[in-house]
Amino acid sequence: MLNILILGSGGREHAFAWKIRQSKLVGKLFIAPGNAGTSQFGTNLPIDVTDFEQIRIACIENGIGMVVVGPEVPLVEGIADFFQEDPSLKPITVIGPVRAGAQLEGSKAFAKDFMQKYGIPTAASFTVYPENLREGEAFLRKMTVGNPYVLKADGLAAGKGVLIIQDIEEAVRELNDMIGGKFGKASRKVVIEEFLEGVEVSVFVLTDGNNYKVLPPAKDYKRIGDGDTGLNTGGMGAVSPVVFADSKFMQKVEERVIKPTIHGLQQEGILFKGFIFLGLMLVKGEPFVIEYNVRLGDPEAECVLPRIKSDIVPLFEAVGKGNLALQNLESDDRYAVTIVLASGGYPGDFIKGKKITGLEGLHDCVVFHAGTGTDVATGDVKTTGGRVLTITSLDYGLFEARKKAYENAARIRFESAYYRNDIGLDLMNYRPK
């Protein structure tokens, strides 16, 4: 039996715990640090995801044979390298790339250079440093008038480092502010990018560095408000499958994006073992890469993992052994709709510690905890974050899956709870342009 450690504390990690616990190959399951929901499937460990030494101790003490890394920060900081370089940890399978591979997410400039080098379709761009700031301003002013200006902080900025600006003078000011430290170290470099008009879709790939499996695609909803209005968030909902990501489109993605990406990593000498998240834009029927991530998305994981019928643990074991081609990945034909319940005020200031009720008596759904904790004194489940819970329902029709998800979301209560009312509505009404 395999003892597994999941790193992270959000809805994605709860979804991993839920899916992994279904496997008969698993002995003990640990989640660090976890949340109130993950404790239903394993043992939560009060360890920060970047405290590599404490993670090392936990792995040795608990006989861990596999570590599944949920969030991006420990990957960018080199947790896979840490395991490879420690003789006592090296036999442990780590689902997540080494630091060099994690730069696909950790550095926008690295990702753009990589895509251009290996002919992967993406928007035209220019990377700005303090030394070439004036050239960056000139690049902005030469861009197509009438299109928004896109500025991306090079490094990780907790989802806040991308600005889409309508006015050229405001764009120039923001570029100067970013280079001047608006997002700290993350914006020491800034990528100016051509604005692409289209529809977004997320495609997820699991790879052992040579072979790969394509997971069900999904569409997430980043803005806080209905109709994609308001501030960007970590994600307010997701739907899978996506009506326009048909077999013809996915074949283009595989040939033009996935295969060149795997080939490019090989050419760079990067053995990538884990997830590649492709943030794509469908532009006039063609896929363009907006961004890479090096882990499953959140809340997309809560939408995609319930659609995977295969045991996920043998897939992960095959990633470690380099024989993923021998495994099959079977997907559920049903639609999955995921609704995020957030704290009022998110993504701005919000109050934690609100009691959550209504979790009992739900039907035809799976609830994944994201920002929750358990009150030691009362046993009550309380809010601890901005995104609190996700509710996923499945059905053979998108309308029916949406209906179930929203009916269950409405039964859950905590003070100032908020959710979008239009998740999946655009896909129900989608017409190709």
Protein backbone atom coordinates (compact mmCIF):
# COMPACT_ATOMS: atom_id res chain seq x y z
CA MET A 1 0.00 0.00 0.00
CA LEU A 2 1.24 3.45 -0.95
CA ASN A 3 1.34 6.31 1.56
CA ILE A 4 0.75 9.65 -0.19
CA LEU A 5 1.28 13.27 0.84
CA ILE A 6 -0.67 16.07 -0.89
CA LEU A 7 0.72 19.59 -0.53
CA GLY A 8 -1.76 22.46 -0.38
CA SER A 9 -4.88 23.67 1.37
CA GLY A 10 -7.41 24.63 -1.30
CA GLY A 11 -10.23 23.15 -3.31
CA ARG A 12 -7.79 21.56 -5.74
CA GLU A 13 -6.10 19.67 -2.91
CA HIS A 14 -9.45 18.53 -1.49
CA ALA A 15 -10.34 17.25 -4.98
CA PHE A 16 -7.03 15.38 -5.15
CA ALA A 17 -7.69 13.84 -1.72
CA TRP A 18 -11.22 12.83 -2.76
CA LYS A 19 -9.97 11.23 -5.98
CA ILE A 20 -6.86 9.56 -4.52
CA ARG A 21 -8.81 8.06 -1.59
CA GLN A 22 -10.94 6.13 -4.11
CA SER A 23 -7.88 4.05 -5.07
CA LYS A 24 -7.37 0.63 -3.50
CA LEU A 25 -3.61 1.16 -3.86
CA VAL A 26 -3.50 3.85 -1.17
CA GLY A 27 -2.62 3.18 2.44
CA LYS A 28 -2.35 6.36 4.48
CA LEU A 29 -3.12 9.77 3.03
CA PHE A 30 -1.73 13.02 4.41
CA ILE A 31 -2.46 16.63 3.41
CA ALA A 32 -0.21 19.55 4.38
CA PRO A 33 -1.66 21.79 5.59
CA GLY A 34 -5.10 20.78 4.29
CA ASN A 35 -8.49 22.15 5.34
CA ALA A 36 -11.70 21.06 7.06
CA GLY A 37 -12.71 19.03 4.02
CA THR A 38 -9.44 17.19 3.39
CA SER A 39 -9.53 15.81 6.94
CA GLN A 40 -12.43 13.57 5.81
CA PHE A 41 -10.04 11.63 3.58
CA GLY A 42 -6.71 11.74 5.39
CA THR A 43 -4.62 13.34 8.11
CA ASN A 44 -3.93 17.06 7.95
CA LEU A 45 -0.39 18.09 8.87
CA PRO A 46 0.25 21.69 10.03
CA ILE A 47 3.13 22.26 7.62
CA ASP A 48 3.58 25.16 5.20
CA VAL A 49 4.02 24.11 1.57
CA THR A 50 7.35 25.95 1.37
CA ASP A 51 8.81 24.48 4.58
CA PHE A 52 10.84 21.85 2.75
CA GLU A 53 12.68 20.61 5.84
CA GLN A 54 9.45 19.89 7.73
CA ILE A 55 8.05 18.21 4.62
CA ARG A 56 11.18 16.06 4.52
CA ILE A 57 10.69 15.01 8.15
CA ALA A 58 7.00 14.24 7.56
CA CYS A 59 7.84 12.07 4.54
CA ILE A 60 10.40 10.02 6.46
CA GLU A 61 8.28 9.66 9.61
CA ASN A 62 5.17 8.57 7.68
CA GLY A 63 6.77 6.33 5.06
CA ILE A 64 5.61 8.50 2.19
CA GLY A 65 6.06 7.00 -1.29
CA MET A 66 4.49 9.78 -3.35
CA VAL A 67 4.07 13.55 -3.04
CA VAL A 68 1.42 15.33 -5.09
CA VAL A 69 2.17 19.07 -5.26
CA GLY A 70 -0.95 21.19 -5.56
CA PRO A 71 0.09 24.87 -5.73
CA GLU A 72 2.72 26.53 -7.88
CA VAL A 73 4.88 28.27 -5.25
CA PRO A 74 6.72 25.19 -3.90
CA LEU A 75 7.35 24.04 -7.48
CA VAL A 76 8.84 27.38 -8.49
CA GLU A 77 10.92 27.32 -5.30
CA GLY A 78 12.30 23.89 -6.24
CA ILE A 79 10.65 21.24 -4.10
CA ALA A 80 11.14 18.56 -6.80
CA ASP A 81 14.86 19.44 -6.93
CA PHE A 82 14.98 19.25 -3.12
CA PHE A 83 13.69 15.67 -3.25
CA GLN A 84 16.06 14.67 -6.05
CA GLU A 85 19.08 16.02 -4.19
CA ASP A 86 18.33 14.30 -0.87
CA PRO A 87 19.26 10.57 -0.85
CA SER A 88 16.53 9.79 1.70
CA LEU A 89 13.85 11.48 -0.44
CA LYS A 90 15.00 10.57 -3.97
CA PRO A 91 13.01 7.27 -4.14
CA ILE A 92 9.77 9.21 -3.52
CA THR A 93 7.71 10.02 -6.63
CA VAL A 94 6.99 13.75 -6.89
CA ILE A 95 4.11 14.85 -9.10
CA GLY A 96 5.38 18.24 -10.17
CA PRO A 97 8.29 19.52 -12.29
CA VAL A 98 11.76 20.59 -11.19
CA ARG A 99 12.47 24.30 -10.79
CA ALA A 100 13.65 24.68 -14.42
CA GLY A 101 10.34 23.32 -15.72
CA ALA A 102 8.33 25.35 -13.23
CA GLN A 103 9.68 28.49 -14.90
CA LEU A 104 6.98 27.98 -17.53
CA GLU A 105 4.69 29.44 -14.86
CA GLY A 106 7.21 31.20 -12.66
CA SER A 107 8.49 33.52 -15.41
CA LYS A 108 6.25 34.99 -18.12
CA ALA A 109 9.37 36.08 -20.02
CA PHE A 110 10.80 32.55 -19.95
CA ALA A 111 7.48 31.14 -21.18
CA LYS A 112 7.24 33.65 -24.05
CA ASP A 113 10.82 32.99 -25.14
CA PHE A 114 10.15 29.24 -24.96
CA MET A 115 7.02 29.51 -27.11
CA GLN A 116 8.73 31.67 -29.70
CA LYS A 117 11.75 29.33 -29.85
CA TYR A 118 9.62 26.23 -30.45
CA GLY A 119 6.99 27.76 -32.72
CA ILE A 120 4.09 27.53 -30.30
CA PRO A 121 1.30 29.98 -31.25
CA THR A 122 1.05 32.89 -28.83
CA ALA A 123 0.49 36.65 -28.86
CA ALA A 124 3.27 38.99 -29.99
CA SER A 125 5.15 40.41 -26.99
CA PHE A 126 8.03 42.51 -25.69
CA THR A 127 9.85 41.98 -22.38
CA VAL A 128 10.66 45.12 -20.40
CA TYR A 129 13.48 45.50 -17.85
CA PRO A 130 14.46 48.68 -15.98
CA GLU A 131 17.26 49.10 -18.55
CA ASN A 132 14.95 49.12 -21.62
CA LEU A 133 11.92 50.84 -20.11
CA ARG A 134 11.85 53.54 -22.79
CA GLU A 135 11.83 50.86 -25.50
CA GLY A 136 8.90 49.25 -23.72
CA GLU A 137 7.00 52.53 -23.74
CA ALA A 138 7.71 52.87 -27.47
CA PHE A 139 6.45 49.31 -28.07
CA LEU A 140 3.20 50.17 -26.28
CA ARG A 141 2.68 53.30 -28.39
CA LYS A 142 3.21 51.36 -31.63
CA MET A 143 0.54 48.78 -30.76
CA THR A 144 -2.83 48.74 -32.54
CA VAL A 145 -4.93 51.70 -31.46
CA GLY A 146 -8.32 50.66 -30.09
CA ASN A 147 -7.14 47.34 -28.67
CA PRO A 148 -6.55 46.98 -24.92
CA TYR A 149 -2.96 46.96 -23.67
CA VAL A 150 -1.89 43.83 -21.77
CA LEU A 151 0.83 44.04 -19.09
CA LYS A 152 2.00 40.93 -17.24
CA ALA A 153 4.33 40.83 -14.25
CA ASP A 154 7.06 38.31 -15.04
CA GLY A 155 6.92 36.42 -11.73
CA LEU A 156 4.23 34.99 -9.46
CA ALA A 157 1.89 37.70 -8.20
CA ALA A 158 -0.94 35.68 -6.64
CA GLY A 159 -3.14 36.14 -9.70
CA LYS A 160 -2.93 39.94 -9.56
CA GLY A 161 -0.04 40.56 -11.93
CA VAL A 162 -1.97 40.85 -15.21
CA LEU A 163 -3.39 44.23 -16.22
CA ILE A 164 -5.64 44.87 -19.22
CA ILE A 165 -5.83 48.60 -19.89
CA GLN A 166 -7.80 50.59 -22.45
CA ASP A 167 -5.94 53.92 -22.38
CA ILE A 168 -2.37 54.27 -23.70
CA GLU A 169 -1.30 56.90 -21.16
CA GLU A 170 -2.60 54.77 -18.29
CA ALA A 171 -0.77 51.77 -19.76
CA VAL A 172 2.50 53.72 -19.82
CA ARG A 173 2.00 54.82 -16.20
CA GLU A 174 1.21 51.28 -15.09
CA LEU A 175 4.28 49.93 -16.91
CA ASN A 176 6.46 52.40 -15.00
CA ASP A 177 4.74 51.54 -11.70
CA MET A 178 5.21 47.81 -12.29
CA ILE A 179 8.89 48.14 -13.14
CA GLY A 180 9.15 50.41 -10.09
CA GLY A 181 7.95 47.64 -7.80
CA LYS A 182 4.14 47.66 -7.82
CA PHE A 183 4.14 43.85 -7.54
CA GLY A 184 7.47 43.57 -5.75
CA LYS A 185 9.97 41.13 -7.21
CA ALA A 186 7.32 39.73 -9.55
CA SER A 187 7.38 42.84 -11.75
CA ARG A 188 11.12 43.43 -11.99
CA LYS A 189 10.42 42.34 -15.53
CA VAL A 190 7.15 43.00 -17.36
CA VAL A 191 5.83 41.33 -20.50
CA ILE A 192 3.83 43.58 -22.82
CA GLU A 193 1.54 41.40 -24.87
CA GLU A 194 -0.72 41.83 -27.88
CA PHE A 195 -4.39 41.59 -26.91
CA LEU A 196 -6.14 38.53 -28.36
CA GLU A 197 -9.89 38.59 -28.95
CA GLY A 198 -11.56 35.21 -28.46
CA VAL A 199 -12.87 32.62 -26.02
CA GLU A 200 -10.69 31.04 -23.33
CA VAL A 201 -10.36 27.35 -22.52
CA SER A 202 -8.05 25.42 -20.19
CA VAL A 203 -6.40 22.19 -21.34
CA PHE A 204 -4.54 19.96 -18.89
CA VAL A 205 -1.78 17.50 -19.72
CA LEU A 206 -0.20 14.91 -17.43
CA THR A 207 3.29 13.93 -18.62
CA ASP A 208 6.21 11.75 -17.59
CA GLY A 209 8.53 13.89 -19.69
CA ASN A 210 8.13 11.83 -22.85
CA ASN A 211 4.59 10.48 -22.92
CA TYR A 212 1.44 12.37 -22.00
CA LYS A 213 -2.28 12.05 -21.34
CA VAL A 214 -4.72 14.85 -22.11
CA LEU A 215 -7.27 15.41 -19.36
CA PRO A 216 -10.78 16.75 -20.00
CA PRO A 217 -10.66 20.45 -20.96
CA ALA A 218 -12.51 23.05 -18.89
CA LYS A 219 -13.51 26.70 -18.95
CA ASP A 220 -13.09 28.79 -15.82
CA TYR A 221 -14.54 32.16 -14.86
CA LYS A 222 -12.04 34.62 -13.35
CA ARG A 223 -14.03 37.81 -12.79
CA ILE A 224 -15.91 38.31 -9.54
CA GLY A 225 -19.14 39.52 -11.16
CA ASP A 226 -21.78 38.09 -13.47
CA GLY A 227 -21.11 38.73 -17.12
CA ASP A 228 -17.35 38.66 -16.49
CA THR A 229 -17.38 42.01 -14.71
CA GLY A 230 -15.37 43.36 -11.81
CA LEU A 231 -12.01 42.34 -10.42
CA ASN A 232 -10.04 39.24 -11.30
CA THR A 233 -10.12 36.39 -8.78
CA GLY A 234 -8.53 32.98 -8.44
CA GLY A 235 -11.62 31.63 -10.22
CA MET A 236 -15.36 31.72 -9.46
CA GLY A 237 -16.44 28.55 -11.25
CA ALA A 238 -15.71 26.12 -14.06
CA VAL A 239 -17.40 23.87 -16.61
CA SER A 240 -16.19 20.70 -18.36
CA PRO A 241 -16.46 19.66 -21.17
CA VAL A 242 -16.37 22.83 -23.28
CA VAL A 243 -18.69 22.93 -26.28
CA PHE A 244 -16.18 24.51 -28.69
CA ALA A 245 -13.25 22.30 -27.62
CA ASP A 246 -14.32 19.55 -30.01
CA SER A 247 -12.12 16.81 -31.49
CA LYS A 248 -11.01 19.05 -34.37
CA PHE A 249 -9.92 21.83 -32.01
CA MET A 250 -8.23 19.40 -29.61
CA GLN A 251 -6.28 17.86 -32.49
CA LYS A 252 -4.93 21.32 -33.31
CA VAL A 253 -4.02 21.82 -29.66
CA GLU A 254 -2.19 18.51 -29.57
CA GLU A 255 -0.23 19.06 -32.79
CA ARG A 256 0.52 22.79 -32.42
CA VAL A 257 0.87 23.17 -28.65
CA ILE A 258 1.21 19.96 -26.63
CA LYS A 259 3.72 18.07 -28.79
CA PRO A 260 5.95 21.14 -29.38
CA THR A 261 5.85 21.90 -25.65
CA ILE A 262 6.98 18.39 -24.67
CA HIS A 263 9.61 18.46 -27.43
CA GLY A 264 10.86 21.89 -26.32
CA LEU A 265 11.24 20.76 -22.73
CA GLN A 266 13.23 17.75 -23.91
CA GLN A 267 15.45 19.97 -26.07
CA GLU A 268 16.07 22.23 -23.07
CA GLY A 269 17.15 19.19 -21.02
CA ILE A 270 14.18 19.55 -18.64
CA LEU A 271 12.65 16.26 -17.50
CA PHE A 272 9.13 17.44 -16.73
CA LYS A 273 7.04 15.07 -14.57
CA GLY A 274 3.65 16.43 -13.67
CA PHE A 275 0.87 18.64 -14.98
CA ILE A 276 1.06 21.23 -17.74
CA PHE A 277 -1.87 23.62 -17.74
CA LEU A 278 -2.44 25.33 -21.08
CA GLY A 279 -4.40 28.55 -20.84
CA LEU A 280 -5.63 28.89 -24.42
CA MET A 281 -7.52 31.46 -26.43
CA LEU A 282 -9.65 30.32 -29.34
CA VAL A 283 -9.10 32.98 -32.02
CA LYS A 284 -11.02 32.41 -35.26
CA GLY A 285 -10.89 28.66 -34.72
CA GLU A 286 -7.17 28.57 -33.89
CA PRO A 287 -5.55 27.92 -30.46
CA PHE A 288 -3.14 30.48 -29.01
CA VAL A 289 -1.36 30.03 -25.67
CA ILE A 290 -2.09 32.82 -23.19
CA GLU A 291 -0.16 31.21 -20.35
CA TYR A 292 1.35 28.03 -18.98
CA ASN A 293 0.78 26.77 -15.47
CA VAL A 294 2.65 23.79 -14.05
CA ARG A 295 -0.14 22.33 -11.91
CA LEU A 296 -3.86 21.70 -12.12
CA GLY A 297 -5.97 24.83 -12.02
CA ASP A 298 -8.33 25.74 -9.20
CA PRO A 299 -11.35 25.59 -9.50
CA GLU A 300 -10.85 23.60 -12.73
CA ALA A 301 -9.48 20.64 -10.73
CA GLU A 302 -12.81 20.36 -8.90
CA CYS A 303 -14.49 20.15 -12.30
CA VAL A 304 -11.99 17.94 -14.16
CA LEU A 305 -11.07 15.32 -11.52
CA PRO A 306 -14.72 14.21 -11.02
CA ARG A 307 -14.84 13.49 -14.77
CA ILE A 308 -11.84 11.12 -14.66
CA LYS A 309 -13.17 7.58 -14.31
CA SER A 310 -9.72 5.92 -14.19
CA ASP A 311 -7.86 5.29 -10.94
CA ILE A 312 -5.52 8.28 -10.77
CA VAL A 313 -2.86 6.62 -8.60
CA PRO A 314 -1.53 4.21 -11.31
CA LEU A 315 -1.34 7.23 -13.63
CA PHE A 316 0.80 9.07 -11.07
CA GLU A 317 2.96 5.99 -10.49
CA ALA A 318 3.53 5.74 -14.25
CA VAL A 319 4.63 9.40 -14.30
CA GLY A 320 7.32 8.52 -11.77
CA LYS A 321 8.43 5.42 -13.66
CA GLY A 322 8.33 7.08 -17.09
CA ASN A 323 5.87 4.59 -18.61
CA LEU A 324 2.69 6.69 -18.78
CA ALA A 325 2.08 5.39 -22.33
CA LEU A 326 1.07 2.03 -20.82
CA GLN A 327 -1.83 3.58 -18.88
CA ASN A 328 -5.35 4.38 -20.04
CA LEU A 329 -7.27 7.49 -19.04
CA GLU A 330 -11.04 7.16 -19.26
CA SER A 331 -13.32 10.18 -18.90
CA ASP A 332 -16.95 10.50 -17.85
CA ASP A 333 -19.24 11.67 -20.67
CA ARG A 334 -21.27 13.87 -18.34
CA TYR A 335 -20.98 17.63 -17.88
CA ALA A 336 -19.49 18.88 -14.64
CA VAL A 337 -20.38 22.34 -13.35
CA THR A 338 -18.47 23.85 -10.43
CA ILE A 339 -19.72 26.86 -8.46
CA VAL A 340 -17.41 28.73 -6.06
CA LEU A 341 -18.88 30.14 -2.83
CA ALA A 342 -16.80 33.10 -1.71
CA SER A 343 -16.61 35.39 1.30
CA GLY A 344 -18.34 38.75 0.81
CA GLY A 345 -15.75 41.36 -0.16
CA TYR A 346 -13.45 38.91 -1.96
CA PRO A 347 -11.11 39.49 -3.83
CA GLY A 348 -10.74 42.58 -1.65
CA ASP A 349 -10.99 42.65 2.14
CA PHE A 350 -13.23 40.08 3.80
CA ILE A 351 -13.88 38.76 7.32
CA LYS A 352 -12.89 35.22 8.29
CA GLY A 353 -14.33 32.94 10.96
CA LYS A 354 -17.93 32.76 9.74
CA LYS A 355 -19.82 29.57 10.66
CA ILE A 356 -20.89 27.44 7.68
CA THR A 357 -24.20 25.56 7.77
CA GLY A 358 -26.21 23.51 5.30
CA LEU A 359 -23.46 21.08 4.31
CA GLU A 360 -25.63 18.15 5.37
CA GLY A 361 -28.55 17.08 3.23
CA LEU A 362 -27.06 18.06 -0.13
CA HIS A 363 -27.67 15.70 -3.04
CA ASP A 364 -26.24 14.97 -6.49
CA CYS A 365 -23.13 17.03 -5.85
CA VAL A 366 -19.63 16.93 -4.39
CA VAL A 367 -18.57 19.73 -2.06
CA PHE A 368 -14.87 20.60 -2.04
CA HIS A 369 -13.53 22.80 0.73
CA ALA A 370 -11.15 25.63 -0.20
CA GLY A 371 -10.92 28.21 2.58
CA THR A 372 -12.29 26.37 5.60
CA GLY A 373 -11.15 25.27 9.04
CA THR A 374 -12.64 23.47 12.03
CA ASP A 375 -13.31 25.29 15.30
CA VAL A 376 -11.51 23.15 17.90
CA ALA A 377 -13.89 24.11 20.69
CA THR A 378 -17.23 23.61 18.90
CA GLY A 379 -16.40 21.41 15.92
CA ASP A 380 -18.07 23.93 13.63
CA VAL A 381 -16.74 24.41 10.11
CA LYS A 382 -15.78 28.06 9.60
CA THR A 383 -14.50 30.25 6.79
CA THR A 384 -10.76 30.91 6.61
CA GLY A 385 -10.34 32.31 3.10
CA GLY A 386 -11.79 34.27 0.22
CA ARG A 387 -12.86 31.27 -1.82
CA VAL A 388 -14.57 29.07 0.75
CA LEU A 389 -16.26 26.11 -0.95
CA THR A 390 -16.85 24.69 -4.42
CA ILE A 391 -19.91 22.69 -5.38
CA THR A 392 -19.68 20.31 -8.36
CA SER A 393 -22.60 18.51 -9.99
CA LEU A 394 -22.61 16.18 -12.98
CA ASP A 395 -25.31 15.34 -15.51
CA TYR A 396 -25.59 14.40 -19.17
CA GLY A 397 -26.91 17.86 -20.00
CA LEU A 398 -25.25 21.17 -19.18
CA PHE A 399 -28.59 22.68 -18.18
CA GLU A 400 -29.26 19.85 -15.72
CA ALA A 401 -25.73 19.92 -14.25
CA ARG A 402 -25.99 23.70 -13.74
CA LYS A 403 -29.41 23.35 -12.11
CA LYS A 404 -28.16 20.76 -9.61
CA ALA A 405 -25.04 22.77 -8.74
CA TYR A 406 -26.98 25.99 -8.12
CA GLU A 407 -29.71 24.25 -6.11
CA ASN A 408 -27.07 22.83 -3.78
CA ALA A 409 -25.11 26.09 -3.58
CA ALA A 410 -28.27 27.86 -2.41
CA ARG A 411 -28.62 25.45 0.53
CA ILE A 412 -25.23 26.36 2.02
CA ARG A 413 -25.15 29.32 4.39
CA PHE A 414 -22.54 31.57 5.94
CA GLU A 415 -22.62 35.29 6.57
CA SER A 416 -22.05 37.36 3.39
CA ALA A 417 -21.71 34.26 1.19
CA TYR A 418 -21.45 35.16 -2.49
CA TYR A 419 -21.40 33.30 -5.79
CA ARG A 420 -21.81 34.12 -9.46
CA ASN A 421 -25.13 33.21 -11.04
CA ASP A 422 -23.96 32.78 -14.63
CA ILE A 423 -21.40 29.96 -14.57
CA GLY A 424 -21.81 27.95 -17.77
CA LEU A 425 -24.54 30.21 -19.13
CA ASP A 426 -22.35 31.44 -21.99
CA LEU A 427 -21.63 27.86 -23.08
CA MET A 428 -25.34 27.05 -23.16
CA ASN A 429 -25.80 30.00 -25.52
CA TYR A 430 -22.51 29.60 -27.41
CA ARG A 431 -22.55 30.11 -31.16
CA PRO A 432 -19.31 29.97 -33.19
CA LYS A 433 -18.31 33.29 -34.73
